Amino acid sequence: MRYARVSVGGRAVWGRVRETEVELLSGSPVDGDPRVLGTVQRDSAVWLPPVVPPVFYAVGMNYPRHIKHAGAAVPDRPEVGYRANNALTGHRSPIIKPAEVEGRFEAEPELVAVIGRTLRRATYEEARGSVFGWTIGNDVSARTWQHQDRTFWRSKNSDTFKPMGPWIETDVDPLAQRTTLRVNGEIRAEFPTGDMVFDPFDYLVEITKHITVHPGDVLWMGAESTCQLEPGDTVEVEISGIGVLSNPVQLEGNPS
């Protein structure tokens, strides 16, 4: 099943995504079994981030090729970081490149786990059973800022730097899929989604040793490859079995 959040009359509404329609729901499917209130056509839907997480967890350096390219050491245990909800934006919404950004402005295609139940001190099997579904993220980064700042506060967390969507897929084995990154229709990266150092469930086991995770939390799983973005580009992240997340890139103050 596919679930999304769409804007209807300026209001965020959960939806169940069908082939041609989105069934509008009375509440969150993460929390229960909502009833259908109506429909909108899928082609005309205004897509929002499929969940606004209570906590936004993010993994770095989790693919061997990315680690080698960065000249970093392979991690010996799963460690997680955090991102800011203000950076989230939905499918088809623009990524805004701030006018002050110079140098590398890059996309990173990522698998995202959406948590469906409360976990503390989880076993691996409990972690596997805790995921409500899977969506797609694009970890946009301003690299010059990343090197200038003591934290990633603006390089990773500026408004619109974290497109996520278009929906949550509940019936897929994400680690058996393939991730593809395209810019203006040209493939820039392609890799097995599951070719990770630590998988999502390893991370949930480690996180919940110390931190309780809750329904709606998200865990972004890192990327194998990155690519440069320029204003005027359209960037697509596809994970087979889940869907395609597409966003135009715009320069701040210049919507064209």
Protein backbone atom coordinates (compact mmCIF):
# COMPACT_ATOMS: atom_id res chain seq x y z
CA MET A 1 0.00 0.00 0.00
CA ARG A 2 1.09 3.56 -0.68
CA TYR A 3 0.30 6.44 1.66
CA ALA A 4 0.99 10.13 1.14
CA ARG A 5 0.17 13.57 2.45
CA VAL A 6 -1.37 16.04 0.00
CA SER A 7 -2.50 19.63 0.23
CA VAL A 8 -6.26 20.11 -0.14
CA GLY A 9 -7.48 23.68 0.12
CA GLY A 10 -4.23 24.59 1.85
CA ARG A 11 -4.69 21.85 4.46
CA ALA A 12 -2.49 18.76 4.85
CA VAL A 13 -4.49 15.54 4.40
CA TRP A 14 -3.33 11.94 4.50
CA GLY A 15 -4.12 9.89 1.40
CA ARG A 16 -4.02 6.34 0.09
CA VAL A 17 -2.45 6.39 -3.37
CA ARG A 18 -4.24 4.42 -6.07
CA GLU A 19 -3.46 4.10 -9.78
CA THR A 20 -5.32 7.24 -10.85
CA GLU A 21 -6.63 8.72 -7.59
CA VAL A 22 -5.58 9.59 -4.08
CA GLU A 23 -8.18 8.57 -1.51
CA LEU A 24 -8.35 11.25 1.17
CA LEU A 25 -8.24 9.81 4.69
CA SER A 26 -9.62 10.94 8.03
CA GLY A 27 -6.25 10.57 9.79
CA SER A 28 -2.81 9.02 9.79
CA PRO A 29 -2.49 5.36 8.78
CA VAL A 30 0.57 5.19 11.04
CA ASP A 31 -1.76 5.68 14.02
CA GLY A 32 -4.69 3.49 12.99
CA ASP A 33 -7.16 2.61 10.22
CA PRO A 34 -8.64 5.89 8.95
CA ARG A 35 -11.76 6.07 6.83
CA VAL A 36 -11.97 7.43 3.28
CA LEU A 37 -13.44 10.95 3.02
CA GLY A 38 -13.13 11.58 -0.72
CA THR A 39 -10.67 11.55 -3.60
CA VAL A 40 -8.45 13.78 -5.72
CA GLN A 41 -6.89 12.92 -9.06
CA ARG A 42 -3.37 11.68 -8.67
CA ASP A 43 -2.06 13.74 -11.61
CA SER A 44 -3.25 16.99 -10.02
CA ALA A 45 -2.30 16.20 -6.41
CA VAL A 46 -0.14 18.69 -4.53
CA TRP A 47 2.36 16.45 -2.75
CA LEU A 48 3.67 17.21 0.72
CA PRO A 49 6.44 15.36 2.58
CA PRO A 50 4.72 12.03 3.33
CA VAL A 51 5.35 12.44 7.06
CA VAL A 52 6.51 15.23 9.36
CA PRO A 53 8.65 13.29 11.81
CA PRO A 54 8.79 13.82 15.56
CA VAL A 55 12.53 13.09 15.19
CA PHE A 56 14.51 13.21 11.93
CA TYR A 57 17.43 10.75 12.10
CA ALA A 58 20.08 10.68 9.37
CA VAL A 59 22.94 8.31 8.61
CA GLY A 60 26.23 9.33 7.03
CA MET A 61 29.01 7.35 5.37
CA ASN A 62 27.05 4.11 5.10
CA TYR A 63 28.05 2.92 1.60
CA PRO A 64 31.55 1.52 0.94
CA ARG A 65 32.05 3.47 -2.30
CA HIS A 66 31.10 6.79 -0.67
CA ILE A 67 33.42 6.06 2.25
CA LYS A 68 36.30 5.27 -0.11
CA HIS A 69 35.66 8.41 -2.20
CA ALA A 70 35.71 10.54 0.96
CA GLY A 71 38.90 8.94 2.20
CA ALA A 72 37.19 8.05 5.45
CA ALA A 73 37.50 4.99 7.65
CA VAL A 74 34.80 2.32 7.46
CA PRO A 75 32.67 2.72 10.60
CA ASP A 76 32.83 -0.12 13.11
CA ARG A 77 29.38 0.58 14.57
CA PRO A 78 26.21 2.36 13.43
CA GLU A 79 26.10 5.99 14.54
CA VAL A 80 23.30 8.37 13.68
CA GLY A 81 22.87 12.14 13.39
CA TYR A 82 19.91 14.50 13.15
CA ARG A 83 18.37 16.86 10.62
CA ALA A 84 15.78 19.63 10.85
CA ASN A 85 12.15 19.37 9.77
CA ASN A 86 12.23 22.86 8.24
CA ALA A 87 14.44 21.41 5.48
CA LEU A 88 11.71 19.00 4.33
CA THR A 89 9.84 19.61 1.11
CA GLY A 90 7.63 17.44 -1.07
CA HIS A 91 7.64 15.79 -4.47
CA ARG A 92 7.66 18.34 -7.33
CA SER A 93 8.37 21.26 -4.97
CA PRO A 94 11.47 23.33 -5.77
CA ILE A 95 14.85 22.95 -4.13
CA ILE A 96 15.97 26.53 -3.48
CA LYS A 97 19.70 27.20 -3.80
CA PRO A 98 20.54 30.16 -1.51
CA ALA A 99 22.12 33.08 -3.35
CA GLU A 100 25.14 32.96 -0.98
CA VAL A 101 26.03 29.36 -1.81
CA GLU A 102 29.24 28.92 -3.78
CA GLY A 103 31.00 25.75 -4.87
CA ARG A 104 29.52 22.28 -4.79
CA PHE A 105 25.75 22.05 -4.37
CA GLU A 106 24.97 18.37 -4.45
CA ALA A 107 22.23 15.76 -4.37
CA GLU A 108 22.46 12.46 -2.49
CA PRO A 109 19.79 9.78 -3.15
CA GLU A 110 18.67 7.99 0.01
CA LEU A 111 16.33 5.29 1.25
CA VAL A 112 14.15 6.45 4.17
CA ALA A 113 12.55 4.25 6.83
CA VAL A 114 9.32 5.48 8.43
CA ILE A 115 8.86 4.08 11.93
CA GLY A 116 5.46 2.65 12.86
CA ARG A 117 5.75 1.73 16.53
CA THR A 118 7.48 2.78 19.73
CA LEU A 119 10.82 1.03 20.32
CA ARG A 120 13.29 0.92 23.20
CA ARG A 121 16.14 -1.59 23.49
CA ALA A 122 14.90 -3.37 20.38
CA THR A 123 16.16 -6.68 19.08
CA TYR A 124 16.99 -6.95 15.40
CA GLU A 125 13.70 -8.73 14.71
CA GLU A 126 11.74 -6.13 16.69
CA ALA A 127 13.45 -3.42 14.65
CA ARG A 128 12.45 -5.17 11.42
CA GLY A 129 8.85 -5.28 12.58
CA SER A 130 8.80 -1.63 13.62
CA VAL A 131 9.03 -0.06 10.15
CA PHE A 132 5.68 1.16 8.83
CA GLY A 133 7.03 1.70 5.32
CA TRP A 134 9.67 3.22 3.08
CA THR A 135 10.05 6.44 1.17
CA ILE A 136 12.73 8.34 -0.76
CA GLY A 137 14.93 11.24 0.30
CA ASN A 138 17.29 13.60 -1.49
CA ASP A 139 19.98 14.85 0.90
CA VAL A 140 20.91 18.19 -0.69
CA SER A 141 24.17 19.65 0.64
CA ALA A 142 26.07 22.92 0.26
CA ARG A 143 29.64 21.61 0.60
CA THR A 144 31.44 24.93 1.15
CA TRP A 145 29.16 25.66 4.09
CA GLN A 146 29.68 22.10 5.30
CA HIS A 147 33.43 22.72 5.55
CA GLN A 148 33.09 26.24 7.00
CA ASP A 149 30.75 25.48 9.89
CA ARG A 150 31.41 23.51 13.06
CA THR A 151 28.02 21.82 12.58
CA PHE A 152 25.86 21.07 9.53
CA TRP A 153 23.30 23.67 10.59
CA ARG A 154 22.97 25.39 7.20
CA SER A 155 24.79 23.06 4.77
CA LYS A 156 22.30 20.24 5.41
CA ASN A 157 19.35 21.95 7.09
CA SER A 158 18.49 25.04 5.04
CA ASP A 159 14.89 25.31 3.84
CA THR A 160 14.05 22.84 1.02
CA PHE A 161 17.36 20.91 1.35
CA LYS A 162 15.56 17.65 2.20
CA PRO A 163 12.99 16.63 -0.42
CA MET A 164 11.13 13.50 0.68
CA GLY A 165 8.41 11.44 -1.00
CA PRO A 166 6.39 11.07 -3.04
CA TRP A 167 4.73 8.51 -0.73
CA ILE A 168 5.34 5.75 1.80
CA GLU A 169 5.39 2.24 0.33
CA THR A 170 4.47 -0.42 2.92
CA ASP A 171 4.89 -3.55 0.79
CA VAL A 172 8.50 -3.69 -0.44
CA ASP A 173 11.86 -5.17 0.52
CA PRO A 174 13.93 -1.99 0.15
CA LEU A 175 17.27 -3.73 0.49
CA ALA A 176 16.55 -5.76 -2.67
CA GLN A 177 15.96 -2.64 -4.79
CA ARG A 178 18.07 -0.33 -6.94
CA THR A 179 18.60 3.42 -6.49
CA THR A 180 18.99 5.70 -9.51
CA LEU A 181 19.84 9.42 -9.52
CA ARG A 182 18.99 11.43 -12.65
CA VAL A 183 19.51 15.08 -13.51
CA ASN A 184 17.54 16.38 -16.51
CA GLY A 185 16.81 12.79 -17.47
CA GLU A 186 20.49 11.73 -17.50
CA ILE A 187 21.60 9.01 -15.09
CA ARG A 188 24.28 10.37 -12.74
CA ALA A 189 24.41 7.49 -10.26
CA GLU A 190 23.01 3.99 -9.92
CA PHE A 191 23.64 1.42 -7.17
CA PRO A 192 22.08 -1.44 -5.20
CA THR A 193 20.03 0.15 -2.45
CA GLY A 194 20.96 -2.54 0.06
CA ASP A 195 24.75 -2.28 -0.44
CA MET A 196 25.17 -0.68 3.00
CA VAL A 197 27.72 -1.10 5.76
CA PHE A 198 24.86 -1.28 8.31
CA ASP A 199 21.21 -1.77 7.38
CA PRO A 200 18.26 0.19 8.83
CA PHE A 201 17.59 -2.42 11.49
CA ASP A 202 21.18 -2.34 12.72
CA TYR A 203 20.73 1.39 13.26
CA LEU A 204 17.42 0.98 15.08
CA VAL A 205 18.96 -1.58 17.43
CA GLU A 206 21.80 0.83 18.22
CA ILE A 207 19.62 3.94 18.53
CA THR A 208 17.13 2.29 20.86
CA LYS A 209 19.82 1.26 23.31
CA HIS A 210 19.75 4.89 24.42
CA ILE A 211 16.85 6.68 22.69
CA THR A 212 13.18 5.76 22.34
CA VAL A 213 11.94 5.97 18.75
CA HIS A 214 8.29 6.76 18.06
CA PRO A 215 5.75 6.30 15.27
CA GLY A 216 6.41 8.79 12.48
CA ASP A 217 10.14 9.13 13.16
CA VAL A 218 12.24 8.79 10.01
CA LEU A 219 15.69 7.34 9.40
CA TRP A 220 17.56 8.41 6.25
CA MET A 221 20.07 5.75 5.24
CA GLY A 222 22.86 7.57 3.39
CA ALA A 223 23.94 7.40 -0.26
CA GLU A 224 26.58 5.72 -2.35
CA SER A 225 27.07 8.63 -4.79
CA THR A 226 26.49 12.36 -5.13
CA CYS A 227 26.15 14.74 -8.07
CA GLN A 228 26.26 18.47 -8.71
CA LEU A 229 23.04 20.47 -9.08
CA GLU A 230 22.52 23.81 -10.83
CA PRO A 231 19.53 26.16 -10.95
CA GLY A 232 17.31 25.09 -13.84
CA ASP A 233 17.98 21.39 -13.29
CA THR A 234 15.37 18.80 -12.45
CA VAL A 235 16.66 16.09 -10.14
CA GLU A 236 15.01 12.68 -9.78
CA VAL A 237 15.69 9.97 -7.23
CA GLU A 238 14.16 6.60 -8.08
CA ILE A 239 14.16 3.54 -5.86
CA SER A 240 12.66 0.55 -7.63
CA GLY A 241 9.62 -0.81 -5.85
CA ILE A 242 8.96 2.55 -4.17
CA GLY A 243 8.73 5.32 -6.78
CA VAL A 244 10.33 8.49 -8.12
CA LEU A 245 10.97 11.70 -6.19
CA SER A 246 11.35 14.67 -8.56
CA ASN A 247 12.23 18.29 -7.79
CA PRO A 248 13.25 21.34 -9.85
CA VAL A 249 16.21 23.40 -8.67
CA GLN A 250 15.82 27.18 -8.42
CA LEU A 251 18.12 30.00 -7.42
CA GLU A 252 16.81 31.96 -4.45
CA GLY A 253 14.87 34.97 -5.64
CA ASN A 254 14.58 33.61 -9.20
CA PRO A 255 11.61 31.24 -9.59
CA SER A 256 12.21 30.62 -13.30
